[in-house]
Amino acid sequence: MNRLNKEEQALLDAFENEELHQVSSFENKKVQHQKYAQEKLKQEAAISINLSSIDLQKLQKHALAEGVSYQKLVANILHKYLEGQLHEA
């Protein structure tokens, strides 16, 4: 059973028939696109989560004590968790 669509099959056929060739500026384009991808990953994105009002109040209290917004505190906590820097006390 062929699981390729028409475009995918055309690309595979062209590859198998050695009709595809690497462009001379490939390395430059590759580096350019890698830089673009890295910058895109650095951009911030907004999310929406549901919290109990008690948890939100606690977050706001801790954020006030640290001198940051509660949104920034949540972002910092998530970042530390994802980087393996957040440990249980």
Protein backbone atom coordinates (compact mmCIF):
# COMPACT_ATOMS: atom_id res chain seq x y z
CA MET A 1 0.00 0.00 0.00
CA ASN A 2 1.45 3.38 -1.04
CA ARG A 3 1.14 5.91 1.77
CA LEU A 4 2.63 8.83 -0.17
CA ASN A 5 0.53 11.63 -1.60
CA LYS A 6 1.15 12.81 -5.18
CA GLU A 7 3.68 15.49 -4.16
CA GLU A 8 5.62 13.10 -1.92
CA GLN A 9 5.67 10.46 -4.67
CA ALA A 10 6.93 13.02 -7.20
CA LEU A 11 9.76 13.99 -4.82
CA LEU A 12 10.68 10.35 -4.22
CA ASP A 13 10.66 9.64 -7.96
CA ALA A 14 12.87 12.68 -8.64
CA PHE A 15 15.29 11.56 -5.92
CA GLU A 16 15.46 7.99 -7.18
CA ASN A 17 16.02 9.24 -10.75
CA GLU A 18 18.86 11.49 -9.49
CA GLU A 19 17.04 14.58 -10.71
CA LEU A 20 17.59 16.51 -7.47
CA HIS A 21 20.77 18.49 -6.99
CA GLN A 22 22.17 20.43 -4.03
CA VAL A 23 22.23 24.17 -4.61
CA SER A 24 25.57 25.95 -4.29
CA SER A 25 24.34 28.17 -1.44
CA PHE A 26 23.00 25.24 0.59
CA GLU A 27 25.32 25.68 3.59
CA ASN A 28 24.59 29.42 3.79
CA LYS A 29 20.85 28.79 3.60
CA LYS A 30 21.10 26.03 6.18
CA VAL A 31 22.91 28.30 8.66
CA GLN A 32 20.44 31.11 7.97
CA HIS A 33 17.45 28.87 8.66
CA GLN A 34 19.05 27.41 11.80
CA LYS A 35 19.54 30.94 13.17
CA TYR A 36 15.96 31.80 12.34
CA ALA A 37 14.71 28.68 14.13
CA GLN A 38 16.82 29.44 17.21
CA GLU A 39 15.48 33.00 17.37
CA LYS A 40 11.92 31.79 16.94
CA LEU A 41 12.33 29.43 19.89
CA LYS A 42 13.56 32.32 22.06
CA GLN A 43 10.39 34.33 21.50
CA GLU A 44 7.85 34.40 24.27
CA ALA A 45 4.38 32.97 23.79
CA ALA A 46 1.25 33.67 25.78
CA ILE A 47 -0.60 30.76 27.39
CA SER A 48 -3.77 30.46 29.39
CA ILE A 49 -4.15 28.14 32.39
CA ASN A 50 -6.85 27.51 34.93
CA LEU A 51 -5.86 27.75 38.60
CA SER A 52 -7.85 27.66 41.77
CA SER A 53 -8.31 31.11 43.26
CA ILE A 54 -6.37 29.94 46.34
CA ASP A 55 -3.36 28.94 44.22
CA LEU A 56 -3.53 32.23 42.35
CA GLN A 57 -3.55 34.17 45.61
CA LYS A 58 -0.54 32.21 46.84
CA LEU A 59 1.30 32.89 43.58
CA GLN A 60 0.53 36.58 43.83
CA LYS A 61 1.76 36.66 47.43
CA HIS A 62 5.06 34.95 46.53
CA ALA A 63 5.49 37.16 43.47
CA LEU A 64 4.97 40.29 45.54
CA ALA A 65 7.59 39.09 48.02
CA GLU A 66 10.06 38.54 45.15
CA GLY A 67 9.21 41.82 43.44
CA VAL A 68 7.97 40.29 40.17
CA SER A 69 4.58 39.79 38.55
CA TYR A 70 2.88 36.49 39.23
CA GLN A 71 3.04 35.74 35.49
CA LYS A 72 6.82 36.15 35.56
CA LEU A 73 7.02 33.95 38.67
CA VAL A 74 5.03 31.19 36.92
CA ALA A 75 7.27 31.48 33.84
CA ASN A 76 10.39 31.24 36.05
CA ILE A 77 9.04 28.20 37.91
CA LEU A 78 8.18 26.42 34.64
CA HIS A 79 11.56 27.27 33.12
CA LYS A 80 13.42 25.94 36.16
CA TYR A 81 11.32 22.77 36.10
CA LEU A 82 11.97 22.18 32.40
CA GLU A 83 15.70 22.77 32.84
CA GLY A 84 15.85 20.30 35.76
CA GLN A 85 16.71 23.08 38.20
CA LEU A 86 13.57 22.82 40.32
CA HIS A 87 13.82 20.32 43.17
CA GLU A 88 11.42 19.40 45.95
CA ALA A 89 12.34 20.72 49.35
